[in-house]
Amino acid sequence: LPSALLVLFFFPIWNNMKKYAAVYRSLEGI
């Protein structure tokens, strides 16, 4: 249950943040 609640909460935040340069550039290194 904790895994599901956390991933479904944080993923939309992560997805929305990809429009920012710092987050988008980090994907190359990740």
All heavy atoms as atom14 arrays in JSON, in Angstrom:
{
  "sequence": "LPSALLVLFFFPIWNNMKKYAAVYRSLEGI",
  "atom14_mask": [
    [1, 1, 1, 1, 1, 1, 1, 1, 0, 0, 0, 0, 0, 0],
    [1, 1, 1, 1, 1, 1, 1, 0, 0, 0, 0, 0, 0, 0],
    [1, 1, 1, 1, 1, 1, 0, 0, 0, 0, 0, 0, 0, 0],
    [1, 1, 1, 1, 1, 0, 0, 0, 0, 0, 0, 0, 0, 0],
    [1, 1, 1, 1, 1, 1, 1, 1, 0, 0, 0, 0, 0, 0],
    [1, 1, 1, 1, 1, 1, 1, 1, 0, 0, 0, 0, 0, 0],
    [1, 1, 1, 1, 1, 1, 1, 0, 0, 0, 0, 0, 0, 0],
    [1, 1, 1, 1, 1, 1, 1, 1, 0, 0, 0, 0, 0, 0],
    [1, 1, 1, 1, 1, 1, 1, 1, 1, 1, 1, 0, 0, 0],
    [1, 1, 1, 1, 1, 1, 1, 1, 1, 1, 1, 0, 0, 0],
    [1, 1, 1, 1, 1, 1, 1, 1, 1, 1, 1, 0, 0, 0],
    [1, 1, 1, 1, 1, 1, 1, 0, 0, 0, 0, 0, 0, 0],
    [1, 1, 1, 1, 1, 1, 1, 1, 0, 0, 0, 0, 0, 0],
    [1, 1, 1, 1, 1, 1, 1, 1, 1, 1, 1, 1, 1, 1],
    [1, 1, 1, 1, 1, 1, 1, 1, 0, 0, 0, 0, 0, 0],
    [1, 1, 1, 1, 1, 1, 1, 1, 0, 0, 0, 0, 0, 0],
    [1, 1, 1, 1, 1, 1, 1, 1, 0, 0, 0, 0, 0, 0],
    [1, 1, 1, 1, 1, 1, 1, 1, 1, 0, 0, 0, 0, 0],
    [1, 1, 1, 1, 1, 1, 1, 1, 1, 0, 0, 0, 0, 0],
    [1, 1, 1, 1, 1, 1, 1, 1, 1, 1, 1, 1, 0, 0],
    [1, 1, 1, 1, 1, 0, 0, 0, 0, 0, 0, 0, 0, 0],
    [1, 1, 1, 1, 1, 0, 0, 0, 0, 0, 0, 0, 0, 0],
    [1, 1, 1, 1, 1, 1, 1, 0, 0, 0, 0, 0, 0, 0],
    [1, 1, 1, 1, 1, 1, 1, 1, 1, 1, 1, 1, 0, 0],
    [1, 1, 1, 1, 1, 1, 1, 1, 1, 1, 1, 0, 0, 0],
    [1, 1, 1, 1, 1, 1, 0, 0, 0, 0, 0, 0, 0, 0],
    [1, 1, 1, 1, 1, 1, 1, 1, 0, 0, 0, 0, 0, 0],
    [1, 1, 1, 1, 1, 1, 1, 1, 1, 0, 0, 0, 0, 0],
    [1, 1, 1, 1, 0, 0, 0, 0, 0, 0, 0, 0, 0, 0],
    [1, 1, 1, 1, 1, 1, 1, 1, 0, 0, 0, 0, 0, 0]
  ],
  "atom14_positions": [
    [[0.8, -1.22, 0.0], [0.0, 0.0, 0.0], [0.84, 1.28, 0.0], [0.57, 2.2, -0.78], [-0.97, -0.01, 1.19], [-1.95, 1.16, 1.3], [-2.81, 1.28, 0.05], [-2.82, 1.02, 2.54], [0.0, 0.0, 0.0], [0.0, 0.0, 0.0], [0.0, 0.0, 0.0], [0.0, 0.0, 0.0], [0.0, 0.0, 0.0], [0.0, 0.0, 0.0]],
    [[1.89, 1.39, 0.84], [2.7, 2.62, 0.8], [3.35, 2.87, -0.56], [3.39, 4.0, -1.03], [3.78, 2.38, 1.87], [3.28, 1.27, 2.71], [2.38, 0.44, 1.86], [0.0, 0.0, 0.0], [0.0, 0.0, 0.0], [0.0, 0.0, 0.0], [0.0, 0.0, 0.0], [0.0, 0.0, 0.0], [0.0, 0.0, 0.0], [0.0, 0.0, 0.0]],
    [[3.85, 1.8, -1.2], [4.48, 1.94, -2.52], [3.51, 2.54, -3.52], [3.86, 3.46, -4.29], [4.95, 0.58, -3.03], [5.94, 0.02, -2.21], [0.0, 0.0, 0.0], [0.0, 0.0, 0.0], [0.0, 0.0, 0.0], [0.0, 0.0, 0.0], [0.0, 0.0, 0.0], [0.0, 0.0, 0.0], [0.0, 0.0, 0.0], [0.0, 0.0, 0.0]],
    [[2.27, 2.04, -3.53], [1.27, 2.52, -4.49], [0.89, 3.96, -4.22], [0.82, 4.78, -5.14], [0.04, 1.61, -4.44], [0.0, 0.0, 0.0], [0.0, 0.0, 0.0], [0.0, 0.0, 0.0], [0.0, 0.0, 0.0], [0.0, 0.0, 0.0], [0.0, 0.0, 0.0], [0.0, 0.0, 0.0], [0.0, 0.0, 0.0], [0.0, 0.0, 0.0]],
    [[0.62, 4.29, -2.96], [0.21, 5.65, -2.62], [1.3, 6.67, -2.96], [1.02, 7.75, -3.5], [-0.15, 5.74, -1.14], [-1.42, 4.98, -0.71], [-1.57, 5.01, 0.8], [-2.65, 5.55, -1.38], [0.0, 0.0, 0.0], [0.0, 0.0, 0.0], [0.0, 0.0, 0.0], [0.0, 0.0, 0.0], [0.0, 0.0, 0.0], [0.0, 0.0, 0.0]],
    [[2.55, 6.32, -2.66], [3.65, 7.26, -2.9], [3.91, 7.47, -4.39], [4.1, 8.6, -4.85], [4.92, 6.77, -2.21], [4.94, 6.89, -0.68], [6.16, 6.2, -0.1], [4.9, 8.35, -0.26], [0.0, 0.0, 0.0], [0.0, 0.0, 0.0], [0.0, 0.0, 0.0], [0.0, 0.0, 0.0], [0.0, 0.0, 0.0], [0.0, 0.0, 0.0]],
    [[3.91, 6.38, -5.17], [4.24, 6.54, -6.59], [3.13, 7.28, -7.33], [3.41, 8.11, -8.22], [4.53, 5.16, -7.24], [3.27, 4.36, -7.5], [5.32, 5.34, -8.54], [0.0, 0.0, 0.0], [0.0, 0.0, 0.0], [0.0, 0.0, 0.0], [0.0, 0.0, 0.0], [0.0, 0.0, 0.0], [0.0, 0.0, 0.0], [0.0, 0.0, 0.0]],
    [[1.87, 7.04, -6.96], [0.77, 7.72, -7.64], [0.66, 9.18, -7.22], [0.08, 9.99, -7.94], [-0.55, 6.99, -7.37], [-0.67, 5.61, -8.01], [-1.98, 4.93, -7.61], [-0.56, 5.68, -9.53], [0.0, 0.0, 0.0], [0.0, 0.0, 0.0], [0.0, 0.0, 0.0], [0.0, 0.0, 0.0], [0.0, 0.0, 0.0], [0.0, 0.0, 0.0]],
    [[1.23, 9.53, -6.07], [1.26, 10.94, -5.66], [2.42, 11.68, -6.32], [2.24, 12.76, -6.89], [1.37, 11.05, -4.14], [1.66, 12.46, -3.68], [0.68, 13.44, -3.75], [2.91, 12.81, -3.2], [0.95, 14.75, -3.34], [3.19, 14.11, -2.78], [2.2, 15.08, -2.85], [0.0, 0.0, 0.0], [0.0, 0.0, 0.0], [0.0, 0.0, 0.0]],
    [[3.62, 11.1, -6.23], [4.8, 11.84, -6.67], [5.0, 11.84, -8.19], [5.61, 12.78, -8.72], [6.07, 11.26, -6.01], [6.26, 11.73, -4.61], [6.06, 10.87, -3.54], [6.62, 13.04, -4.34], [6.24, 11.3, -2.23], [6.8, 13.48, -3.04], [6.6, 12.61, -1.98], [0.0, 0.0, 0.0], [0.0, 0.0, 0.0], [0.0, 0.0, 0.0]],
    [[4.47, 10.83, -8.91], [4.73, 10.81, -10.35], [4.13, 11.99, -11.1], [4.8, 12.57, -11.96], [4.25, 9.49, -10.98], [4.58, 9.39, -12.44], [5.89, 9.22, -12.86], [3.6, 9.52, -13.4], [6.21, 9.15, -14.21], [3.9, 9.46, -14.75], [5.21, 9.27, -15.16], [0.0, 0.0, 0.0], [0.0, 0.0, 0.0], [0.0, 0.0, 0.0]],
    [[2.87, 12.39, -10.84], [2.36, 13.59, -11.52], [3.2, 14.83, -11.23], [3.37, 15.68, -12.12], [0.94, 13.74, -10.96], [0.55, 12.37, -10.55], [1.82, 11.74, -10.04], [0.0, 0.0, 0.0], [0.0, 0.0, 0.0], [0.0, 0.0, 0.0], [0.0, 0.0, 0.0], [0.0, 0.0, 0.0], [0.0, 0.0, 0.0], [0.0, 0.0, 0.0]],
    [[3.74, 14.95, -10.02], [4.61, 16.08, -9.69], [5.86, 16.02, -10.56], [6.28, 17.02, -11.16], [4.97, 16.06, -8.2], [3.72, 16.27, -7.34], [6.02, 17.14, -7.88], [3.96, 16.17, -5.85], [0.0, 0.0, 0.0], [0.0, 0.0, 0.0], [0.0, 0.0, 0.0], [0.0, 0.0, 0.0], [0.0, 0.0, 0.0], [0.0, 0.0, 0.0]],
    [[6.47, 14.83, -10.64], [7.66, 14.64, -11.46], [7.37, 14.95, -12.93], [8.14, 15.64, -13.6], [8.15, 13.21, -11.3], [9.19, 12.77, -12.29], [9.0, 12.06, -13.43], [10.6, 13.04, -12.22], [10.18, 11.85, -14.08], [11.18, 12.45, -13.36], [11.42, 13.7, -11.32], [12.54, 12.5, -13.61], [12.78, 13.76, -11.57], [13.33, 13.16, -12.7]],
    [[6.24, 14.47, -13.42], [5.86, 14.68, -14.81], [5.69, 16.17, -15.12], [6.13, 16.66, -16.17], [4.57, 13.92, -15.1], [4.21, 13.93, -16.57], [4.81, 13.23, -17.37], [3.23, 14.73, -16.94], [0.0, 0.0, 0.0], [0.0, 0.0, 0.0], [0.0, 0.0, 0.0], [0.0, 0.0, 0.0], [0.0, 0.0, 0.0], [0.0, 0.0, 0.0]],
    [[5.06, 16.89, -14.21], [4.83, 18.33, -14.42], [6.1, 19.14, -14.31], [6.21, 20.21, -14.91], [3.8, 18.85, -13.41], [2.42, 18.24, -13.61], [2.13, 17.68, -14.67], [1.58, 18.3, -12.6], [0.0, 0.0, 0.0], [0.0, 0.0, 0.0], [0.0, 0.0, 0.0], [0.0, 0.0, 0.0], [0.0, 0.0, 0.0], [0.0, 0.0, 0.0]],
    [[7.07, 18.63, -13.56], [8.32, 19.37, -13.37], [9.28, 19.23, -14.55], [10.24, 19.99, -14.66], [9.02, 18.9, -12.09], [8.33, 19.35, -10.81], [9.11, 18.65, -9.33], [10.73, 19.41, -9.42], [0.0, 0.0, 0.0], [0.0, 0.0, 0.0], [0.0, 0.0, 0.0], [0.0, 0.0, 0.0], [0.0, 0.0, 0.0], [0.0, 0.0, 0.0]],
    [[9.0, 18.27, -15.46], [9.93, 18.05, -16.58], [10.0, 19.22, -17.55], [10.9, 19.3, -18.38], [9.55, 16.77, -17.33], [9.9, 15.51, -16.57], [9.79, 14.28, -17.44], [8.38, 13.99, -17.86], [8.25, 12.73, -18.61], [0.0, 0.0, 0.0], [0.0, 0.0, 0.0], [0.0, 0.0, 0.0], [0.0, 0.0, 0.0], [0.0, 0.0, 0.0]],
    [[9.03, 20.15, -17.46], [9.07, 21.32, -18.34], [10.15, 22.31, -17.92], [10.52, 23.21, -18.67], [7.72, 22.01, -18.37], [7.27, 22.6, -17.04], [5.88, 23.21, -17.13], [5.43, 23.78, -15.79], [4.08, 24.35, -15.85], [0.0, 0.0, 0.0], [0.0, 0.0, 0.0], [0.0, 0.0, 0.0], [0.0, 0.0, 0.0], [0.0, 0.0, 0.0]],
    [[10.67, 22.14, -16.7], [11.73, 23.02, -16.22], [13.09, 22.49, -16.67], [13.35, 21.29, -16.65], [11.69, 23.14, -14.7], [10.4, 23.73, -14.18], [9.45, 22.94, -13.55], [10.11, 25.08, -14.36], [8.25, 23.48, -13.09], [8.91, 25.63, -13.9], [7.99, 24.82, -13.28], [6.8, 25.36, -12.83], [0.0, 0.0, 0.0], [0.0, 0.0, 0.0]],
    [[13.97, 23.41, -17.04], [15.27, 23.04, -17.61], [16.07, 22.14, -16.67], [16.67, 21.15, -17.1], [16.07, 24.3, -17.94], [0.0, 0.0, 0.0], [0.0, 0.0, 0.0], [0.0, 0.0, 0.0], [0.0, 0.0, 0.0], [0.0, 0.0, 0.0], [0.0, 0.0, 0.0], [0.0, 0.0, 0.0], [0.0, 0.0, 0.0], [0.0, 0.0, 0.0]],
    [[16.08, 22.46, -15.38], [16.9, 21.7, -14.43], [16.45, 20.25, -14.37], [17.28, 19.33, -14.32], [16.8, 22.34, -13.04], [0.0, 0.0, 0.0], [0.0, 0.0, 0.0], [0.0, 0.0, 0.0], [0.0, 0.0, 0.0], [0.0, 0.0, 0.0], [0.0, 0.0, 0.0], [0.0, 0.0, 0.0], [0.0, 0.0, 0.0], [0.0, 0.0, 0.0]],
    [[15.15, 20.03, -14.38], [14.63, 18.66, -14.3], [14.85, 17.93, -15.61], [15.28, 16.77, -15.63], [13.14, 18.68, -13.92], [12.57, 17.27, -13.94], [12.94, 19.32, -12.55], [0.0, 0.0, 0.0], [0.0, 0.0, 0.0], [0.0, 0.0, 0.0], [0.0, 0.0, 0.0], [0.0, 0.0, 0.0], [0.0, 0.0, 0.0], [0.0, 0.0, 0.0]],
    [[14.59, 18.61, -16.74], [14.75, 17.96, -18.04], [16.21, 17.55, -18.28], [16.49, 16.44, -18.73], [14.28, 18.88, -19.16], [14.35, 18.23, -20.52], [13.32, 17.41, -20.96], [15.47, 18.39, -21.34], [13.38, 16.79, -22.19], [15.54, 17.77, -22.57], [14.49, 16.97, -22.99], [14.57, 16.34, -24.21], [0.0, 0.0, 0.0], [0.0, 0.0, 0.0]],
    [[17.13, 18.46, -17.95], [18.54, 18.13, -18.14], [19.0, 17.0, -17.24], [19.9, 16.24, -17.59], [19.39, 19.39, -17.89], [19.27, 20.44, -18.99], [19.93, 21.74, -18.57], [19.8, 22.76, -19.61], [19.91, 24.05, -19.39], [20.14, 24.5, -18.16], [19.79, 24.91, -20.38], [0.0, 0.0, 0.0], [0.0, 0.0, 0.0], [0.0, 0.0, 0.0]],
    [[18.38, 16.88, -16.07], [18.78, 15.82, -15.15], [18.48, 14.44, -15.72], [19.13, 13.46, -15.37], [18.07, 15.99, -13.8], [16.69, 15.69, -13.91], [0.0, 0.0, 0.0], [0.0, 0.0, 0.0], [0.0, 0.0, 0.0], [0.0, 0.0, 0.0], [0.0, 0.0, 0.0], [0.0, 0.0, 0.0], [0.0, 0.0, 0.0], [0.0, 0.0, 0.0]],
    [[17.49, 14.34, -16.62], [17.11, 13.03, -17.18], [18.27, 12.4, -17.95], [18.41, 11.18, -17.96], [15.9, 13.18, -18.1], [14.57, 13.52, -17.42], [13.49, 13.77, -18.46], [14.15, 12.41, -16.48], [0.0, 0.0, 0.0], [0.0, 0.0, 0.0], [0.0, 0.0, 0.0], [0.0, 0.0, 0.0], [0.0, 0.0, 0.0], [0.0, 0.0, 0.0]],
    [[19.1, 13.22, -18.59], [20.24, 12.69, -19.34], [21.19, 11.94, -18.4], [21.62, 10.82, -18.69], [20.99, 13.83, -20.04], [22.14, 13.34, -20.92], [22.89, 14.49, -21.58], [22.94, 15.6, -20.99], [23.44, 14.28, -22.68], [0.0, 0.0, 0.0], [0.0, 0.0, 0.0], [0.0, 0.0, 0.0], [0.0, 0.0, 0.0], [0.0, 0.0, 0.0]],
    [[21.49, 12.53, -17.26], [22.37, 11.88, -16.29], [21.71, 10.7, -15.61], [22.34, 9.66, -15.36], [0.0, 0.0, 0.0], [0.0, 0.0, 0.0], [0.0, 0.0, 0.0], [0.0, 0.0, 0.0], [0.0, 0.0, 0.0], [0.0, 0.0, 0.0], [0.0, 0.0, 0.0], [0.0, 0.0, 0.0], [0.0, 0.0, 0.0], [0.0, 0.0, 0.0]],
    [[20.42, 10.84, -15.3], [19.69, 9.76, -14.63], [19.65, 8.52, -15.51], [19.92, 7.4, -15.05], [18.27, 10.23, -14.24], [18.35, 11.25, -13.1], [17.4, 9.04, -13.85], [17.02, 11.92, -12.79], [0.0, 0.0, 0.0], [0.0, 0.0, 0.0], [0.0, 0.0, 0.0], [0.0, 0.0, 0.0], [0.0, 0.0, 0.0], [0.0, 0.0, 0.0]]
  ]
}
